[in-house]
């Protein structure tokens, strides 16, 4: 699969749903706590470990994005560089799109989940569009 195919598949799947969808995005930055150990600092310097902190969130209709490159370009204009974007979807009902209140509540919940490290239900991509895996330990 190409780096953008995961996102393209998501866009196609969202557009094909019977009820209108909203795609939810939480952009995060990577970092270390001030009290990180030398081993944690070394692992982070080598591209592993650390923590992800939500710094921006947005919702989009699937037809508002042509591909992952468009999402990245828009995000670069709106927020600082990010390390991982978490993506979820919210379905409308009865042929109607989710309300603004439903979208806001879902984004707030998603930000809380990401902050708490409970992000297994979301697609996670790096800025190149590659899937990101998370391992504990």
N, C-alpha and C. Protein backbone atom coordinates (compact mmCIF):
# COMPACT_ATOMS: atom_id res chain seq x y z
N UNK A 1 0.84 -1.19 0.00
CA UNK A 1 0.00 0.00 0.00
C UNK A 1 0.88 1.25 0.00
N UNK A 2 0.45 2.23 -0.74
CA UNK A 2 1.17 3.50 -0.71
C UNK A 2 0.85 4.22 0.59
N UNK A 3 1.66 5.20 0.94
CA UNK A 3 1.49 5.87 2.22
C UNK A 3 0.14 6.56 2.35
N UNK A 4 -0.44 7.00 1.27
CA UNK A 4 -1.72 7.69 1.38
C UNK A 4 -2.91 6.76 1.18
N UNK A 5 -2.69 5.50 0.84
CA UNK A 5 -3.81 4.62 0.53
C UNK A 5 -4.68 4.33 1.74
N UNK A 6 -4.10 4.29 2.94
CA UNK A 6 -4.90 4.06 4.15
C UNK A 6 -5.92 5.18 4.32
N UNK A 7 -5.48 6.39 4.14
CA UNK A 7 -6.37 7.54 4.27
C UNK A 7 -7.37 7.58 3.13
N UNK A 8 -6.90 7.30 1.91
CA UNK A 8 -7.80 7.27 0.76
C UNK A 8 -8.89 6.22 0.96
N UNK A 9 -8.53 5.06 1.51
CA UNK A 9 -9.52 4.02 1.80
C UNK A 9 -10.55 4.53 2.81
N UNK A 10 -10.09 5.25 3.81
CA UNK A 10 -10.99 5.81 4.81
C UNK A 10 -11.95 6.81 4.16
N UNK A 11 -11.43 7.70 3.31
CA UNK A 11 -12.29 8.67 2.63
C UNK A 11 -13.36 7.97 1.79
N UNK A 12 -12.95 6.94 1.06
CA UNK A 12 -13.91 6.20 0.22
C UNK A 12 -14.96 5.51 1.09
N UNK A 13 -14.54 4.89 2.16
CA UNK A 13 -15.48 4.19 3.04
C UNK A 13 -16.46 5.16 3.68
N UNK A 14 -15.98 6.32 4.12
CA UNK A 14 -16.85 7.32 4.73
C UNK A 14 -17.86 7.85 3.72
N UNK A 15 -17.41 8.08 2.50
CA UNK A 15 -18.30 8.61 1.46
C UNK A 15 -19.36 7.58 1.05
N UNK A 16 -19.07 6.31 1.21
CA UNK A 16 -19.98 5.25 0.78
C UNK A 16 -21.05 4.91 1.83
N UNK A 17 -20.96 5.47 3.01
CA UNK A 17 -21.92 5.15 4.07
C UNK A 17 -23.30 5.69 3.74
N UNK A 18 -24.32 5.02 4.23
CA UNK A 18 -25.70 5.44 3.98
C UNK A 18 -26.02 6.77 4.65
N UNK A 19 -25.44 7.00 5.83
CA UNK A 19 -25.66 8.26 6.55
C UNK A 19 -24.43 9.14 6.42
N UNK A 20 -24.64 10.46 6.38
CA UNK A 20 -23.50 11.38 6.28
C UNK A 20 -22.52 11.19 7.44
N UNK A 21 -21.25 11.32 7.13
CA UNK A 21 -20.18 11.13 8.11
C UNK A 21 -19.44 12.43 8.36
N UNK A 22 -18.88 12.53 9.53
CA UNK A 22 -17.90 13.58 9.84
C UNK A 22 -16.63 12.86 10.25
N UNK A 23 -15.53 13.24 9.66
CA UNK A 23 -14.23 12.71 10.06
C UNK A 23 -13.66 13.62 11.14
N UNK A 24 -13.14 13.00 12.18
CA UNK A 24 -12.62 13.73 13.34
C UNK A 24 -11.11 13.55 13.40
N UNK A 25 -10.40 14.65 13.59
CA UNK A 25 -8.93 14.63 13.60
C UNK A 25 -8.40 15.27 14.86
N UNK A 26 -7.47 14.59 15.52
CA UNK A 26 -6.74 15.15 16.66
C UNK A 26 -5.26 15.11 16.31
N UNK A 27 -4.66 16.28 16.21
CA UNK A 27 -3.24 16.42 15.87
C UNK A 27 -2.44 16.51 17.17
N UNK A 28 -1.36 15.75 17.24
CA UNK A 28 -0.57 15.68 18.47
C UNK A 28 0.89 16.02 18.24
N UNK A 29 1.51 16.48 19.31
CA UNK A 29 2.96 16.69 19.28
C UNK A 29 3.61 15.65 20.19
N UNK A 30 4.82 15.27 19.85
CA UNK A 30 5.57 14.30 20.65
C UNK A 30 6.50 15.03 21.59
N UNK A 31 6.67 14.47 22.78
CA UNK A 31 7.57 15.09 23.74
C UNK A 31 7.90 14.15 24.87
N UNK A 32 8.66 14.69 25.78
CA UNK A 32 9.06 13.96 26.99
C UNK A 32 8.73 14.80 28.21
N UNK A 33 8.38 14.16 29.31
CA UNK A 33 8.17 14.94 30.54
C UNK A 33 9.51 15.47 31.05
N UNK A 34 9.45 16.52 31.83
CA UNK A 34 10.67 17.13 32.37
C UNK A 34 11.48 16.14 33.20
N UNK A 35 10.82 15.18 33.84
CA UNK A 35 11.52 14.22 34.70
C UNK A 35 11.91 12.93 33.98
N UNK A 36 11.99 12.97 32.65
CA UNK A 36 12.34 11.78 31.89
C UNK A 36 13.74 11.29 32.27
N UNK A 37 13.88 9.98 32.28
CA UNK A 37 15.17 9.37 32.59
C UNK A 37 16.11 9.48 31.39
N UNK A 38 17.38 9.21 31.63
CA UNK A 38 18.34 9.21 30.53
C UNK A 38 17.96 8.17 29.47
N UNK A 39 17.49 7.00 29.92
CA UNK A 39 17.09 5.94 28.99
C UNK A 39 15.89 6.40 28.14
N UNK A 40 14.93 7.09 28.79
CA UNK A 40 13.78 7.60 28.05
C UNK A 40 14.22 8.66 27.04
N UNK A 41 15.14 9.52 27.45
CA UNK A 41 15.64 10.54 26.53
C UNK A 41 16.36 9.92 25.34
N UNK A 42 17.15 8.87 25.60
CA UNK A 42 17.87 8.19 24.52
C UNK A 42 16.89 7.52 23.56
N UNK A 43 15.88 6.86 24.12
CA UNK A 43 14.88 6.20 23.27
C UNK A 43 14.13 7.23 22.43
N UNK A 44 13.76 8.34 23.04
CA UNK A 44 13.04 9.38 22.31
C UNK A 44 13.92 9.97 21.21
N UNK A 45 15.20 10.18 21.50
CA UNK A 45 16.14 10.70 20.51
C UNK A 45 16.31 9.76 19.33
N UNK A 46 16.10 8.45 19.58
CA UNK A 46 16.22 7.45 18.53
C UNK A 46 14.90 7.21 17.81
N UNK A 47 13.87 8.01 18.17
CA UNK A 47 12.59 7.89 17.48
C UNK A 47 11.57 7.01 18.17
N UNK A 48 11.80 6.65 19.41
CA UNK A 48 10.85 5.81 20.14
C UNK A 48 10.45 6.45 21.45
N UNK A 49 9.43 5.92 22.05
CA UNK A 49 9.00 6.39 23.37
C UNK A 49 8.43 7.80 23.33
N UNK A 50 8.35 8.37 24.51
CA UNK A 50 7.80 9.72 24.63
C UNK A 50 6.30 9.67 24.82
N UNK A 51 5.71 10.84 24.79
CA UNK A 51 4.26 10.94 24.94
C UNK A 51 3.70 11.84 23.85
N UNK A 52 2.42 11.69 23.59
CA UNK A 52 1.74 12.50 22.58
C UNK A 52 0.73 13.40 23.27
N UNK A 53 0.80 14.68 22.95
CA UNK A 53 -0.09 15.66 23.55
C UNK A 53 -0.96 16.28 22.46
N UNK A 54 -2.29 16.21 22.65
CA UNK A 54 -3.17 16.85 21.67
C UNK A 54 -2.90 18.35 21.61
N UNK A 55 -2.85 18.89 20.39
CA UNK A 55 -2.63 20.33 20.25
C UNK A 55 -3.65 21.01 19.35
N UNK A 56 -4.39 20.23 18.57
CA UNK A 56 -5.44 20.80 17.71
C UNK A 56 -6.40 19.69 17.32
N UNK A 57 -7.64 20.07 17.09
CA UNK A 57 -8.61 19.10 16.58
C UNK A 57 -9.54 19.80 15.60
N UNK A 58 -10.09 19.01 14.69
CA UNK A 58 -10.98 19.55 13.67
C UNK A 58 -11.85 18.42 13.14
N UNK A 59 -12.99 18.80 12.58
CA UNK A 59 -13.82 17.82 11.89
C UNK A 59 -13.98 18.25 10.44
N UNK A 60 -14.19 17.27 9.58
CA UNK A 60 -14.34 17.53 8.14
C UNK A 60 -15.35 16.55 7.56
N UNK A 61 -16.10 16.99 6.59
CA UNK A 61 -16.89 16.05 5.78
C UNK A 61 -15.91 15.34 4.84
N UNK A 62 -16.18 14.10 4.49
CA UNK A 62 -15.27 13.40 3.57
C UNK A 62 -15.05 14.15 2.26
N UNK A 63 -16.06 14.87 1.77
CA UNK A 63 -15.90 15.57 0.49
C UNK A 63 -15.09 16.86 0.62
N UNK A 64 -14.73 17.23 1.84
CA UNK A 64 -13.90 18.43 2.04
C UNK A 64 -12.41 18.14 1.90
N UNK A 65 -12.06 16.86 1.76
CA UNK A 65 -10.65 16.48 1.63
C UNK A 65 -10.48 15.60 0.39
N UNK A 66 -9.51 15.94 -0.42
CA UNK A 66 -9.26 15.14 -1.61
C UNK A 66 -8.32 13.97 -1.32
N UNK A 67 -7.37 14.18 -0.41
CA UNK A 67 -6.40 13.16 -0.08
C UNK A 67 -5.62 13.57 1.17
N UNK A 68 -4.70 12.73 1.58
CA UNK A 68 -3.94 13.00 2.81
C UNK A 68 -3.06 14.24 2.66
N UNK A 69 -2.51 14.45 1.48
CA UNK A 69 -1.66 15.62 1.25
C UNK A 69 -2.45 16.91 1.50
N UNK A 70 -3.73 16.93 1.13
CA UNK A 70 -4.56 18.11 1.37
C UNK A 70 -4.77 18.33 2.86
N UNK A 71 -4.96 17.25 3.61
CA UNK A 71 -5.10 17.37 5.07
C UNK A 71 -3.82 17.92 5.69
N UNK A 72 -2.68 17.40 5.27
CA UNK A 72 -1.40 17.86 5.81
C UNK A 72 -1.19 19.33 5.48
N UNK A 73 -1.44 19.72 4.24
CA UNK A 73 -1.25 21.12 3.84
C UNK A 73 -2.14 22.04 4.65
N UNK A 74 -3.39 21.68 4.82
CA UNK A 74 -4.30 22.51 5.62
C UNK A 74 -3.84 22.57 7.08
N UNK A 75 -3.42 21.44 7.62
CA UNK A 75 -2.99 21.43 9.02
C UNK A 75 -1.73 22.27 9.23
N UNK A 76 -0.86 22.31 8.26
CA UNK A 76 0.38 23.09 8.39
C UNK A 76 0.09 24.59 8.43
N UNK A 77 -1.01 25.01 7.80
CA UNK A 77 -1.40 26.42 7.85
C UNK A 77 -2.09 26.77 9.16
N UNK A 78 -2.67 25.78 9.84
CA UNK A 78 -3.50 26.05 11.02
C UNK A 78 -2.84 25.73 12.35
N UNK A 79 -1.82 24.88 12.38
CA UNK A 79 -1.21 24.52 13.66
C UNK A 79 0.27 24.22 13.47
N UNK A 80 1.00 24.17 14.58
CA UNK A 80 2.43 23.84 14.49
C UNK A 80 2.62 22.42 13.93
N UNK A 81 3.82 22.10 13.52
CA UNK A 81 4.08 20.74 13.03
C UNK A 81 3.65 19.70 14.06
N UNK A 82 3.09 18.62 13.58
CA UNK A 82 2.58 17.58 14.45
C UNK A 82 3.29 16.27 14.17
N UNK A 83 3.19 15.34 15.14
CA UNK A 83 3.87 14.05 15.03
C UNK A 83 2.93 12.94 14.56
N UNK A 84 1.72 12.92 15.13
CA UNK A 84 0.74 11.88 14.81
C UNK A 84 -0.63 12.53 14.76
N UNK A 85 -1.43 12.14 13.77
CA UNK A 85 -2.84 12.55 13.73
C UNK A 85 -3.68 11.30 14.00
N UNK A 86 -4.62 11.45 14.91
CA UNK A 86 -5.58 10.39 15.21
C UNK A 86 -6.86 10.73 14.48
N UNK A 87 -7.46 9.71 13.84
CA UNK A 87 -8.63 9.93 13.00
C UNK A 87 -9.75 9.00 13.43
N UNK A 88 -10.92 9.59 13.61
CA UNK A 88 -12.12 8.83 13.91
C UNK A 88 -13.23 9.29 12.98
N UNK A 89 -14.38 8.66 13.09
CA UNK A 89 -15.53 9.04 12.28
C UNK A 89 -16.77 9.06 13.15
N UNK A 90 -17.68 9.94 12.80
CA UNK A 90 -18.96 10.06 13.49
C UNK A 90 -20.04 10.00 12.43
N UNK A 91 -20.98 9.08 12.60
CA UNK A 91 -22.04 8.89 11.62
C UNK A 91 -23.29 9.66 12.03
N UNK A 92 -23.96 10.20 11.02
CA UNK A 92 -25.26 10.80 11.24
C UNK A 92 -26.31 9.71 11.33
N UNK A 93 -27.56 10.12 11.43
CA UNK A 93 -28.67 9.17 11.50
C UNK A 93 -29.83 9.67 10.67
N UNK A 94 -30.59 8.74 10.13
CA UNK A 94 -31.78 9.10 9.36
C UNK A 94 -31.47 9.96 8.16
N UNK A 95 -30.29 9.77 7.57
CA UNK A 95 -29.91 10.54 6.40
C UNK A 95 -29.41 11.95 6.71
N UNK A 96 -29.32 12.29 8.00
CA UNK A 96 -28.85 13.63 8.38
C UNK A 96 -27.47 13.54 9.03
N UNK A 97 -26.69 14.55 8.77
CA UNK A 97 -25.33 14.62 9.32
C UNK A 97 -25.40 14.81 10.84
N UNK A 98 -24.34 14.44 11.55
CA UNK A 98 -24.30 14.70 12.98
C UNK A 98 -24.41 16.21 13.24
N UNK A 99 -25.05 16.57 14.34
CA UNK A 99 -25.18 17.99 14.70
C UNK A 99 -23.84 18.54 15.16
N UNK A 100 -23.73 19.85 15.18
CA UNK A 100 -22.51 20.49 15.68
C UNK A 100 -22.24 20.07 17.12
N UNK A 101 -23.30 19.97 17.93
CA UNK A 101 -23.13 19.56 19.34
C UNK A 101 -22.60 18.13 19.43
N UNK A 102 -23.09 17.24 18.57
CA UNK A 102 -22.59 15.86 18.57
C UNK A 102 -21.12 15.82 18.15
N UNK A 103 -20.78 16.60 17.14
CA UNK A 103 -19.39 16.65 16.66
C UNK A 103 -18.49 17.19 17.77
N UNK A 104 -18.91 18.28 18.41
CA UNK A 104 -18.10 18.87 19.48
C UNK A 104 -17.89 17.88 20.62
N UNK A 105 -18.95 17.17 21.02
CA UNK A 105 -18.84 16.19 22.10
C UNK A 105 -17.91 15.05 21.70
N UNK A 106 -18.02 14.59 20.47
CA UNK A 106 -17.17 13.50 19.99
C UNK A 106 -15.70 13.93 19.94
N UNK A 107 -15.44 15.16 19.49
CA UNK A 107 -14.06 15.65 19.46
C UNK A 107 -13.50 15.79 20.88
N UNK A 108 -14.30 16.30 21.81
CA UNK A 108 -13.85 16.43 23.20
C UNK A 108 -13.50 15.06 23.77
N UNK A 109 -14.35 14.08 23.51
CA UNK A 109 -14.09 12.72 23.98
C UNK A 109 -12.82 12.16 23.35
N UNK A 110 -12.66 12.39 22.07
CA UNK A 110 -11.48 11.89 21.36
C UNK A 110 -10.21 12.52 21.92
N UNK A 111 -10.22 13.84 22.16
CA UNK A 111 -9.05 14.51 22.74
C UNK A 111 -8.74 13.92 24.11
N UNK A 112 -9.76 13.70 24.93
CA UNK A 112 -9.55 13.09 26.25
C UNK A 112 -8.94 11.70 26.11
N UNK A 113 -9.48 10.90 25.19
CA UNK A 113 -8.95 9.55 25.00
C UNK A 113 -7.49 9.58 24.57
N UNK A 114 -7.16 10.45 23.64
CA UNK A 114 -5.77 10.55 23.18
C UNK A 114 -4.88 10.99 24.33
N UNK A 115 -5.32 11.98 25.08
CA UNK A 115 -4.54 12.47 26.23
C UNK A 115 -4.29 11.35 27.24
N UNK A 116 -5.31 10.48 27.42
CA UNK A 116 -5.21 9.39 28.39
C UNK A 116 -4.52 8.15 27.83
N UNK A 117 -4.16 8.17 26.55
CA UNK A 117 -3.50 7.02 25.94
C UNK A 117 -4.47 5.94 25.49
N UNK A 118 -5.75 6.25 25.42
CA UNK A 118 -6.78 5.28 24.99
C UNK A 118 -7.17 5.57 23.55
N UNK A 119 -6.25 5.26 22.64
CA UNK A 119 -6.50 5.64 21.24
C UNK A 119 -6.52 4.45 20.29
N UNK A 120 -6.75 3.27 20.82
CA UNK A 120 -6.76 2.07 19.99
C UNK A 120 -7.88 2.04 18.97
N UNK A 121 -8.95 2.80 19.19
CA UNK A 121 -10.09 2.79 18.28
C UNK A 121 -9.89 3.72 17.08
N UNK A 122 -8.82 4.49 17.08
CA UNK A 122 -8.61 5.49 16.04
C UNK A 122 -7.51 5.08 15.07
N UNK A 123 -7.63 5.55 13.83
CA UNK A 123 -6.53 5.42 12.89
C UNK A 123 -5.46 6.42 13.32
N UNK A 124 -4.21 6.01 13.31
CA UNK A 124 -3.11 6.89 13.66
C UNK A 124 -2.12 6.91 12.50
N UNK A 125 -1.83 8.13 12.00
CA UNK A 125 -0.91 8.29 10.87
C UNK A 125 0.15 9.33 11.21
N UNK A 126 1.34 9.12 10.67
CA UNK A 126 2.39 10.13 10.80
C UNK A 126 2.23 11.15 9.68
N UNK A 127 3.03 12.21 9.66
CA UNK A 127 2.87 13.25 8.62
C UNK A 127 3.08 12.76 7.18
N UNK A 128 3.70 11.60 7.02
CA UNK A 128 3.88 11.04 5.67
C UNK A 128 2.70 10.15 5.28
N UNK A 129 1.74 9.97 6.20
CA UNK A 129 0.58 9.14 5.92
C UNK A 129 0.78 7.68 6.26
N UNK A 130 1.88 7.37 6.92
CA UNK A 130 2.17 5.99 7.31
C UNK A 130 1.47 5.66 8.61
N UNK A 131 0.90 4.45 8.74
CA UNK A 131 0.27 4.04 9.99
C UNK A 131 1.30 4.01 11.12
N UNK A 132 0.85 4.39 12.31
CA UNK A 132 1.69 4.41 13.49
C UNK A 132 1.20 3.32 14.44
N UNK A 133 2.11 2.50 14.90
CA UNK A 133 1.79 1.46 15.89
C UNK A 133 2.31 1.89 17.26
N UNK A 134 1.63 1.44 18.29
CA UNK A 134 2.02 1.80 19.66
C UNK A 134 2.23 0.53 20.46
N UNK A 135 3.32 0.54 21.23
CA UNK A 135 3.69 -0.60 22.05
C UNK A 135 3.94 -0.12 23.46
N UNK A 136 3.48 -0.87 24.42
CA UNK A 136 3.74 -0.49 25.81
C UNK A 136 5.00 -1.20 26.28
N UNK A 137 5.56 -0.66 27.30
CA UNK A 137 6.71 -1.34 27.86
C UNK A 137 7.87 -0.49 27.77
